[in-house]
Protein backbone atom coordinates (compact mmCIF):
# COMPACT_ATOMS: atom_id res chain seq x y z
CA UNK A 1 0.00 0.01 -0.01
CA UNK A 2 1.46 3.33 -1.06
CA UNK A 3 1.57 5.79 1.81
CA UNK A 4 -0.71 5.82 4.79
CA UNK A 5 -3.17 8.49 3.71
CA UNK A 6 -6.85 7.54 3.87
CA UNK A 7 -9.22 9.43 1.56
CA UNK A 8 -12.92 10.14 2.03
CA UNK A 9 -14.56 11.40 -1.14
CA UNK A 10 -17.67 13.43 -0.28
CA UNK A 11 -20.19 13.80 -3.09
CA UNK A 12 -23.93 13.84 -3.61
CA UNK A 13 -26.82 16.16 -4.42
CA UNK A 14 -26.53 19.93 -4.25
CA UNK A 15 -28.18 21.15 -1.07
CA UNK A 16 -27.91 17.79 0.68
CA UNK A 17 -25.37 19.02 3.24
CA UNK A 18 -21.90 18.33 1.81
CA UNK A 19 -20.50 21.60 3.15
CA UNK A 20 -21.76 20.76 6.62
CA UNK A 21 -20.39 17.23 6.39
CA UNK A 22 -16.87 18.36 5.45
CA UNK A 23 -16.82 20.60 8.54
CA UNK A 24 -17.24 17.45 10.66
CA UNK A 25 -14.15 15.98 9.03
CA UNK A 26 -12.27 19.24 9.64
CA UNK A 27 -13.12 18.99 13.34
CA UNK A 28 -11.79 15.41 13.29
CA UNK A 29 -8.42 16.66 11.97
CA UNK A 30 -8.87 15.53 8.38
CA UNK A 31 -7.12 17.61 5.74
CA UNK A 32 -10.11 18.94 3.77
CA UNK A 33 -10.53 20.35 0.30
CA UNK A 34 -13.88 21.60 -1.02
CA UNK A 35 -14.69 21.31 -4.75
CA UNK A 36 -11.48 19.60 -5.84
CA UNK A 37 -11.58 18.72 -9.56
CA UNK A 38 -11.38 14.90 -9.73
CA UNK A 39 -8.65 15.08 -12.36
CA UNK A 40 -6.37 16.59 -9.73
CA UNK A 41 -6.91 13.78 -7.22
CA UNK A 42 -4.02 11.57 -8.45
CA UNK A 43 -1.60 14.52 -8.20
CA UNK A 44 -2.97 15.44 -4.77
CA UNK A 45 -2.49 11.85 -3.58
CA UNK A 46 1.11 11.83 -4.76
CA UNK A 47 1.80 15.11 -2.96
CA UNK A 48 0.37 13.67 0.25
CA UNK A 49 2.65 10.65 -0.07
CA UNK A 50 5.78 12.67 -0.86
CA UNK A 51 5.90 14.46 2.45
CA UNK A 52 4.00 16.14 5.23
CA UNK A 53 1.96 14.72 8.06
CA UNK A 54 -1.34 14.23 6.26
CA UNK A 55 -2.81 10.88 7.26
CA UNK A 56 -6.50 11.47 6.45
CA UNK A 57 -8.09 13.67 3.81
CA UNK A 58 -11.74 14.50 3.05
CA UNK A 59 -12.39 15.85 -0.44
CA UNK A 60 -15.65 17.27 -1.71
CA UNK A 61 -16.26 16.57 -5.40
CA UNK A 62 -19.58 17.35 -7.03
CA UNK A 63 -21.23 18.73 -10.15
CA UNK A 64 -19.94 22.22 -9.38
CA UNK A 65 -16.81 20.97 -11.14
CA UNK A 66 -18.74 20.89 -14.43
CA UNK A 67 -16.96 18.87 -17.10
CA UNK A 68 -14.15 18.06 -14.63
CA UNK A 69 -16.60 16.01 -12.52
CA UNK A 70 -16.76 13.35 -15.25
CA UNK A 71 -13.21 12.35 -14.31
CA UNK A 72 -14.33 11.12 -10.87
CA UNK A 73 -14.55 7.46 -11.86
CA UNK A 74 -11.08 7.61 -13.40
CA UNK A 75 -9.74 9.20 -10.22
CA UNK A 76 -11.31 6.48 -8.05
CA UNK A 77 -9.90 3.82 -10.35
CA UNK A 78 -6.47 5.41 -9.88
CA UNK A 79 -6.78 5.18 -6.10
CA UNK A 80 -7.88 1.56 -6.33
CA UNK A 81 -5.11 0.59 -8.72
CA UNK A 82 -2.44 2.14 -6.49
CA UNK A 83 -4.04 0.69 -3.35
CA UNK A 84 -4.86 4.00 -1.71
CA UNK A 85 -7.48 3.37 1.01
CA UNK A 86 -10.58 5.39 0.21
CA UNK A 87 -14.33 5.55 0.77
CA UNK A 88 -17.07 7.44 -1.05
CA UNK A 89 -19.67 9.22 1.12
CA UNK A 90 -22.83 10.15 -0.81
CA UNK A 91 -25.32 12.67 0.60
CA UNK A 92 -28.89 12.92 -0.66
CA UNK A 93 -32.28 14.30 0.36
CA UNK A 94 -35.83 14.29 -0.95
CA UNK A 95 -36.73 16.59 -3.84
CA UNK A 96 -39.22 18.44 -1.65
CA UNK A 97 -36.62 19.21 1.00
CA UNK A 98 -33.97 20.22 -1.56
CA UNK A 99 -36.37 22.64 -3.22
CA UNK A 100 -37.19 24.19 0.13
CA UNK A 101 -33.51 24.57 1.05
CA UNK A 102 -32.72 26.33 -2.24
CA UNK A 103 -35.67 28.65 -1.82
CA UNK A 104 -34.76 29.47 1.79
CA UNK A 105 -31.16 30.31 0.87
CA UNK A 106 -32.20 31.96 -2.43
CA UNK A 107 -29.47 30.05 -4.18
CA UNK A 108 -29.69 28.89 -7.80
CA UNK A 109 -29.35 25.18 -8.40
CA UNK A 110 -26.14 24.65 -10.44
CA UNK A 111 -28.01 22.66 -13.10
CA UNK A 112 -31.25 24.65 -13.18
CA UNK A 113 -30.22 27.26 -15.74
CA UNK A 114 -33.41 28.97 -16.92
CA UNK A 115 -35.49 26.01 -15.78
CA UNK A 116 -37.03 25.33 -12.38
CA UNK A 117 -35.18 24.13 -9.30
CA UNK A 118 -37.01 20.80 -9.64
CA UNK A 119 -35.68 20.32 -13.16
CA UNK A 120 -32.12 20.96 -11.98
CA UNK A 121 -32.51 18.53 -9.09
CA UNK A 122 -33.87 15.81 -11.36
CA UNK A 123 -31.00 16.26 -13.82
CA UNK A 124 -28.53 15.98 -10.99
CA UNK A 125 -30.16 12.84 -9.60
CA UNK A 126 -29.83 11.25 -13.02
CA UNK A 127 -26.22 12.38 -13.43
CA UNK A 128 -25.19 11.04 -10.02
CA UNK A 129 -27.03 7.69 -10.23
CA UNK A 130 -23.85 5.77 -11.08
CA UNK A 131 -21.66 7.34 -8.42
CA UNK A 132 -24.39 6.68 -5.86
CA UNK A 133 -24.16 2.99 -6.73
CA UNK A 134 -20.41 3.23 -6.23
CA UNK A 135 -20.77 4.89 -2.81
CA UNK A 136 -19.57 3.05 0.28
CA UNK A 137 -21.79 5.05 2.64
CA UNK A 138 -24.98 6.99 2.05
CA UNK A 139 -26.61 9.58 4.32
CA UNK A 140 -30.12 10.82 3.60
CA UNK A 141 -30.40 14.26 5.17
CA UNK A 142 -34.11 14.76 4.51
CA UNK A 143 -35.18 15.00 8.14
CA UNK A 144 -31.83 15.84 9.72
CA UNK A 145 -30.91 19.02 11.55
CA UNK A 146 -27.27 20.19 11.23
CA UNK A 147 -26.45 18.64 14.59
CA UNK A 148 -28.07 15.34 13.60
CA UNK A 149 -26.07 15.31 10.36
CA UNK A 150 -22.92 15.86 12.39
CA UNK A 151 -23.82 12.90 14.60
CA UNK A 152 -24.56 10.77 11.53
CA UNK A 153 -21.16 11.51 9.96
CA UNK A 154 -19.34 10.96 13.24
CA UNK A 155 -21.11 7.66 13.83
CA UNK A 156 -20.32 6.41 10.33
CA UNK A 157 -16.60 7.21 10.49
CA UNK A 158 -15.74 6.02 13.93
CA UNK A 159 -15.55 2.60 15.53
CA UNK A 160 -18.57 1.26 17.34
CA UNK A 161 -21.30 -1.35 17.34
CA UNK A 162 -24.11 -1.34 14.77
CA UNK A 163 -26.52 0.15 17.29
CA UNK A 164 -24.07 2.97 18.09
CA UNK A 165 -23.38 3.78 14.42
CA UNK A 166 -27.02 4.04 13.44
CA UNK A 167 -29.53 6.59 14.64
CA UNK A 168 -33.11 5.36 14.79
CA UNK A 169 -35.66 8.11 14.29
CA UNK A 170 -39.12 7.27 15.57
CA UNK A 171 -41.98 9.33 14.13
CA UNK A 172 -45.54 9.24 15.36
CA UNK A 173 -48.00 10.72 12.86
CA UNK A 174 -51.63 10.91 11.84
CA UNK A 175 -52.74 9.22 8.62
CA UNK A 176 -55.19 12.10 8.12
CA UNK A 177 -52.19 14.39 7.64
CA UNK A 178 -50.32 12.05 5.33
CA UNK A 179 -47.59 9.43 5.60
CA UNK A 180 -44.08 10.89 6.26
CA UNK A 181 -42.11 10.88 3.03
CA UNK A 182 -38.83 10.15 4.81
CA UNK A 183 -40.06 6.96 6.52
CA UNK A 184 -38.23 3.67 5.89
CA UNK A 185 -40.90 1.64 7.69
CA UNK A 186 -44.51 2.56 8.39
CA UNK A 187 -46.61 0.77 11.04
CA UNK A 188 -50.36 1.28 11.35
CA UNK A 189 -51.93 1.47 14.83
CA UNK A 190 -55.45 2.19 13.68
CA UNK A 191 -56.64 -1.32 14.54
CA UNK A 192 -56.05 -0.66 18.25
CA UNK A 193 -58.73 0.65 20.62
CA UNK A 194 -58.93 4.44 20.19
CA UNK A 195 -58.68 6.74 23.26
CA UNK A 196 -60.16 9.52 21.11
CA UNK A 197 -63.61 8.14 21.84
CA UNK A 198 -63.12 8.14 25.60
CA UNK A 199 -64.23 11.61 26.80
CA UNK A 200 -61.70 11.93 29.65
CA UNK A 201 -58.83 10.75 27.40
CA UNK A 202 -59.67 12.67 24.21
CA UNK A 203 -57.98 15.96 25.26
CA UNK A 204 -54.81 14.11 26.37
CA UNK A 205 -52.01 12.62 24.27
CA UNK A 206 -50.10 9.36 24.12
CA UNK A 207 -47.42 10.78 26.43
CA UNK A 208 -49.95 10.77 29.27
CA UNK A 209 -49.85 7.72 31.55
CA UNK A 210 -53.61 7.29 31.42
CA UNK A 211 -53.67 7.15 27.64
CA UNK A 212 -50.75 4.73 27.54
CA UNK A 213 -52.45 2.45 30.08
CA UNK A 214 -55.58 2.46 27.92
CA UNK A 215 -53.64 1.66 24.73
CA UNK A 216 -51.69 -1.16 26.36
CA UNK A 217 -54.66 -2.43 28.32
CA UNK A 218 -55.19 -4.83 25.42
CA UNK A 219 -52.70 -7.69 25.02
CA UNK A 220 -52.79 -7.15 21.25
CA UNK A 221 -50.89 -3.86 21.75
CA UNK A 222 -48.10 -5.69 23.57
CA UNK A 223 -47.80 -8.24 20.76
CA UNK A 224 -47.72 -5.47 18.15
CA UNK A 225 -45.01 -3.58 20.05
CA UNK A 226 -42.92 -6.75 20.37
CA UNK A 227 -43.17 -7.43 16.62
CA UNK A 228 -42.10 -3.88 15.72
CA UNK A 229 -39.20 -4.16 18.17
CA UNK A 230 -38.01 -7.43 16.69
CA UNK A 231 -38.27 -6.07 13.16
CA UNK A 232 -36.18 -3.00 14.01
CA UNK A 233 -33.52 -5.11 15.79
CA UNK A 234 -33.30 -7.40 12.77
CA UNK A 235 -32.95 -4.54 10.28
CA UNK A 236 -30.36 -2.42 12.17
CA UNK A 237 -27.15 -4.41 11.41
CA UNK A 238 -28.15 -4.83 7.76
CA UNK A 239 -28.85 -1.11 7.46
CA UNK A 240 -25.42 -0.27 8.90
CA UNK A 241 -23.79 -2.78 6.54
CA UNK A 242 -25.42 -0.93 3.64
CA UNK A 243 -23.57 2.21 4.77
CA UNK A 244 -26.56 4.13 6.09
CA UNK A 245 -26.56 6.07 9.35
CA UNK A 246 -30.25 6.54 9.91
CA UNK A 247 -33.36 4.39 10.05
CA UNK A 248 -36.71 6.17 10.12
CA UNK A 249 -39.55 4.19 11.68
CA UNK A 250 -42.97 5.85 11.42
CA UNK A 251 -45.92 4.73 13.53
CA UNK A 252 -49.30 6.13 12.64
CA UNK A 253 -52.83 6.27 13.92
CA UNK A 254 -55.80 8.30 12.69
CA UNK A 255 -54.94 11.69 14.20
CA UNK A 256 -51.41 11.12 15.44
CA UNK A 257 -52.11 12.13 19.05
CA UNK A 258 -52.89 8.98 21.04
CA UNK A 259 -52.14 5.43 19.90
CA UNK A 260 -49.14 6.16 17.65
CA UNK A 261 -47.55 8.41 20.28
CA UNK A 262 -47.98 5.81 23.03
CA UNK A 263 -46.58 3.05 20.78
CA UNK A 264 -43.59 5.17 19.68
CA UNK A 265 -42.75 6.08 23.29
CA UNK A 266 -42.92 2.42 24.36
CA UNK A 267 -40.72 1.38 21.42
CA UNK A 268 -38.18 4.05 22.27
CA UNK A 269 -37.83 2.65 25.79
CA UNK A 270 -37.15 -0.85 24.45
CA UNK A 271 -34.56 0.39 21.92
CA UNK A 272 -32.73 2.51 24.49
CA UNK A 273 -32.50 -0.53 26.76
CA UNK A 274 -30.89 -2.35 23.82
CA UNK A 275 -28.25 0.42 23.72
CA UNK A 276 -29.42 1.91 20.44
CA UNK A 277 -29.30 5.61 19.53
CA UNK A 278 -32.85 6.83 19.32
CA UNK A 279 -34.52 10.17 18.55
CA UNK A 280 -38.26 10.61 18.65
CA UNK A 281 -40.62 13.11 17.03
CA UNK A 282 -44.38 13.36 17.48
CA UNK A 283 -45.25 15.07 14.23
CA UNK A 284 -48.97 15.73 14.80
CA UNK A 285 -49.33 15.55 18.56
CA UNK A 286 -50.38 19.19 18.87
CA UNK A 287 -52.93 19.13 16.04
CA UNK A 288 -56.58 18.31 16.39
CA UNK A 289 -57.69 15.01 14.89
C-alpha cells in the first residue's frame, strides 16, 4: 500500500449538506478540500505521499466541477489501482426538501439554468445515479438538523457497534395528515382501541400515563409492540452494513395524538434498553384530529 493516507470522497446532491459534512471531518483533523476537480486527485495523492503529516483527507467533489466532474470514476480507479485506502460518502435528500432549502437560501441550483429548481434537481439525480451505486456510505439528510447530520457523519466514520453507528428516528404521525415521506418503515396502529372516543382521554395525548395504560390495556398492543421491536432489531445491522446512518420508523394512527404516540414512546424505551441511539418526534401531537 502506497503511503498511509486515507481518503474520504464526499459527493452527492446539491443542497444535501456536503458543506456541513466536510466541517465534521475538519473537526476530526482531516485535511479537507472543497470542490477539488477529480482530475487533480491523483496529483494530490502523490503530494500527500511525498511528504508532510497528512494521514487522512476528506475531499468534496460534485457537479460544481462541471466537465471536470466526469473524471471522478477515473480518479477512483487510480486510487484503487495504487491501493490507496478510500471511501465514497454520498449525501442525498428528498426533492421536496432540496427545493425548500434552495428557496430558503435563495441560491440557484447549479443545473437549473433557466429552468425550475425541480428540473435541476432531477437532472442531478440522473447524473449522479452511477456514483451513488459506487458509494460506500450514504446519508439521507431529509429529516436531519445540522447537529443530527454531524452525529450521523461521526457515527459512520468512527468505531462502534451497529446500534451505536445508526440513529433510529421514531416518528408518530396521523394518517389524516399524510404518511411521512422520509419513513423507511410505516406501522399502522389504527386497529387498536382508540382513546379519542373516551371523553376523559380525548384531550390528552399518548405521552400521558392514562392514555398509555388504555392503549396497552389490550394484550394485542403488547404483541404489536414486540413485533415492531423485533423487526427493528433485525434490520439495524443490515442497514449499517449498507452504509446508512439513519433508520426512520414511522408509527401512525388516525390523528397522530394517542395510539401512535404511546406506541412510539414504548418502542423508544425498548430500543434505548438495547443500547441503540434513538430520537423521537411526534409530528402531529399538537394538532386536532
